[in-house]
């Protein structure tokens, strides 16, 4: 068995980390589907709570 490909070269790791991650300054577009997904999740949660309390 081998342990893996070995250590990653530093220049590759630096280049990879520079292109990946969360950009807090990126512009955000709120879509209607975002609101629909949140409402659907809240409805499912409410249904599960009601089922847990009264459904048994």
N, C-alpha and C. Protein backbone atom coordinates (compact mmCIF):
# COMPACT_ATOMS: atom_id res chain seq x y z
N UNK A 1 0.84 -1.19 0.00
CA UNK A 1 0.00 0.00 0.00
C UNK A 1 0.88 1.24 0.00
N UNK A 2 0.43 2.23 -0.73
CA UNK A 2 1.15 3.50 -0.73
C UNK A 2 0.37 4.51 0.08
N UNK A 3 1.09 5.46 0.63
CA UNK A 3 0.47 6.46 1.50
C UNK A 3 -0.16 7.59 0.72
N UNK A 4 0.16 7.74 -0.54
CA UNK A 4 -0.39 8.83 -1.34
C UNK A 4 0.66 9.39 -2.27
N UNK A 5 0.33 10.45 -2.96
CA UNK A 5 1.26 10.99 -3.95
C UNK A 5 2.44 11.73 -3.35
N UNK A 6 2.40 12.01 -2.08
CA UNK A 6 3.50 12.72 -1.45
C UNK A 6 3.15 14.18 -1.24
N UNK A 7 4.13 14.96 -0.75
CA UNK A 7 3.85 16.37 -0.46
C UNK A 7 3.60 17.17 -1.75
N UNK A 8 2.80 18.19 -1.62
CA UNK A 8 2.47 19.06 -2.74
C UNK A 8 3.53 20.15 -2.82
N UNK A 9 4.05 20.42 -4.03
CA UNK A 9 5.03 21.50 -4.15
C UNK A 9 4.46 22.84 -3.70
N UNK A 10 5.28 23.66 -3.08
CA UNK A 10 4.81 24.92 -2.50
C UNK A 10 4.25 25.86 -3.55
N UNK A 11 4.86 25.91 -4.74
CA UNK A 11 4.35 26.84 -5.77
C UNK A 11 2.97 26.42 -6.27
N UNK A 12 2.71 25.11 -6.33
CA UNK A 12 1.39 24.65 -6.72
C UNK A 12 0.36 24.99 -5.64
N UNK A 13 0.71 24.77 -4.38
CA UNK A 13 -0.21 25.05 -3.28
C UNK A 13 -0.55 26.53 -3.21
N UNK A 14 0.44 27.39 -3.41
CA UNK A 14 0.19 28.83 -3.36
C UNK A 14 -0.71 29.26 -4.52
N UNK A 15 -0.48 28.73 -5.70
CA UNK A 15 -1.31 29.08 -6.86
C UNK A 15 -2.73 28.57 -6.68
N UNK A 16 -2.87 27.36 -6.13
CA UNK A 16 -4.19 26.78 -5.93
C UNK A 16 -4.99 27.57 -4.89
N UNK A 17 -4.38 27.91 -3.79
CA UNK A 17 -5.08 28.63 -2.73
C UNK A 17 -5.46 30.04 -3.16
N UNK A 18 -4.72 30.62 -4.07
CA UNK A 18 -5.03 31.96 -4.53
C UNK A 18 -6.29 32.00 -5.37
N UNK A 19 -6.63 30.91 -6.03
CA UNK A 19 -7.79 30.89 -6.92
C UNK A 19 -9.03 30.31 -6.27
N UNK A 20 -8.91 29.76 -5.07
CA UNK A 20 -10.03 29.09 -4.43
C UNK A 20 -10.35 29.82 -3.13
N UNK A 21 -11.62 29.93 -2.84
CA UNK A 21 -12.00 30.53 -1.56
C UNK A 21 -13.17 31.47 -1.70
N UNK A 22 -13.55 32.05 -0.61
CA UNK A 22 -14.68 32.96 -0.56
C UNK A 22 -14.19 34.38 -0.80
N UNK A 23 -14.80 35.04 -1.75
CA UNK A 23 -14.48 36.44 -2.01
C UNK A 23 -15.56 37.28 -1.36
N UNK A 24 -15.29 37.95 -0.25
CA UNK A 24 -16.33 38.71 0.45
C UNK A 24 -16.75 39.96 -0.31
N UNK A 25 -16.02 40.34 -1.34
CA UNK A 25 -16.34 41.56 -2.08
C UNK A 25 -17.07 41.29 -3.39
N UNK A 26 -17.38 40.03 -3.68
CA UNK A 26 -18.05 39.74 -4.95
C UNK A 26 -19.48 40.24 -4.88
N UNK A 27 -19.98 40.65 -6.03
CA UNK A 27 -21.35 41.16 -6.06
C UNK A 27 -22.33 39.99 -5.92
N UNK A 28 -23.38 40.20 -5.18
CA UNK A 28 -24.36 39.16 -4.93
C UNK A 28 -25.67 39.56 -5.57
N UNK A 29 -26.27 38.62 -6.28
CA UNK A 29 -27.54 38.85 -6.93
C UNK A 29 -28.58 37.99 -6.24
N UNK A 30 -29.58 38.61 -5.67
CA UNK A 30 -30.66 37.86 -5.03
C UNK A 30 -31.66 37.44 -6.09
N UNK A 31 -31.89 36.15 -6.16
CA UNK A 31 -32.81 35.61 -7.15
C UNK A 31 -34.10 35.19 -6.47
N UNK A 32 -35.14 35.12 -7.24
CA UNK A 32 -36.44 34.69 -6.72
C UNK A 32 -36.37 33.25 -6.21
N UNK A 33 -35.55 32.43 -6.86
CA UNK A 33 -35.43 31.04 -6.43
C UNK A 33 -34.82 30.93 -5.04
N UNK A 34 -33.96 31.88 -4.65
CA UNK A 34 -33.41 31.87 -3.29
C UNK A 34 -34.53 31.97 -2.26
N UNK A 35 -35.45 32.88 -2.48
CA UNK A 35 -36.57 33.09 -1.56
C UNK A 35 -37.48 31.86 -1.56
N UNK A 36 -37.72 31.28 -2.73
CA UNK A 36 -38.59 30.11 -2.82
C UNK A 36 -37.99 28.93 -2.07
N UNK A 37 -36.69 28.73 -2.19
CA UNK A 37 -36.04 27.61 -1.49
C UNK A 37 -36.11 27.80 0.02
N UNK A 38 -35.90 29.02 0.50
CA UNK A 38 -35.97 29.29 1.94
C UNK A 38 -37.39 29.07 2.45
N UNK A 39 -38.39 29.54 1.72
CA UNK A 39 -39.79 29.35 2.13
C UNK A 39 -40.14 27.87 2.14
N UNK A 40 -39.70 27.13 1.12
CA UNK A 40 -39.98 25.70 1.08
C UNK A 40 -39.33 24.98 2.26
N UNK A 41 -38.12 25.36 2.60
CA UNK A 41 -37.44 24.74 3.74
C UNK A 41 -38.18 25.04 5.04
N UNK A 42 -38.65 26.27 5.21
CA UNK A 42 -39.40 26.62 6.42
C UNK A 42 -40.72 25.85 6.50
N UNK A 43 -41.37 25.66 5.36
CA UNK A 43 -42.62 24.88 5.35
C UNK A 43 -42.35 23.44 5.75
N UNK A 44 -41.28 22.86 5.22
CA UNK A 44 -40.93 21.48 5.57
C UNK A 44 -40.60 21.38 7.06
N UNK A 45 -39.86 22.33 7.58
CA UNK A 45 -39.52 22.32 9.01
C UNK A 45 -40.77 22.43 9.86
N UNK A 46 -41.66 23.34 9.50
CA UNK A 46 -42.91 23.50 10.25
C UNK A 46 -43.74 22.21 10.20
N UNK A 47 -43.81 21.58 9.03
CA UNK A 47 -44.57 20.33 8.90
C UNK A 47 -43.96 19.23 9.77
N UNK A 48 -42.64 19.16 9.82
CA UNK A 48 -42.00 18.15 10.66
C UNK A 48 -42.23 18.41 12.14
N UNK A 49 -42.23 19.67 12.54
CA UNK A 49 -42.49 20.01 13.95
C UNK A 49 -43.92 19.63 14.31
N UNK A 50 -44.87 19.98 13.47
CA UNK A 50 -46.27 19.64 13.73
C UNK A 50 -46.45 18.13 13.76
N UNK A 51 -45.81 17.43 12.85
CA UNK A 51 -45.90 15.98 12.82
C UNK A 51 -45.29 15.39 14.09
N UNK A 52 -44.18 15.95 14.53
CA UNK A 52 -43.54 15.44 15.75
C UNK A 52 -44.36 15.70 16.99
N UNK A 53 -45.06 16.83 17.04
CA UNK A 53 -45.85 17.15 18.22
C UNK A 53 -47.18 16.42 18.26
N UNK A 54 -47.84 16.33 17.12
CA UNK A 54 -49.20 15.79 17.11
C UNK A 54 -49.34 14.44 16.39
N UNK A 55 -48.39 14.11 15.54
CA UNK A 55 -48.52 12.89 14.73
C UNK A 55 -48.11 11.63 15.47
N UNK A 56 -47.03 11.75 16.20
CA UNK A 56 -46.57 10.61 16.98
C UNK A 56 -46.01 9.58 16.14
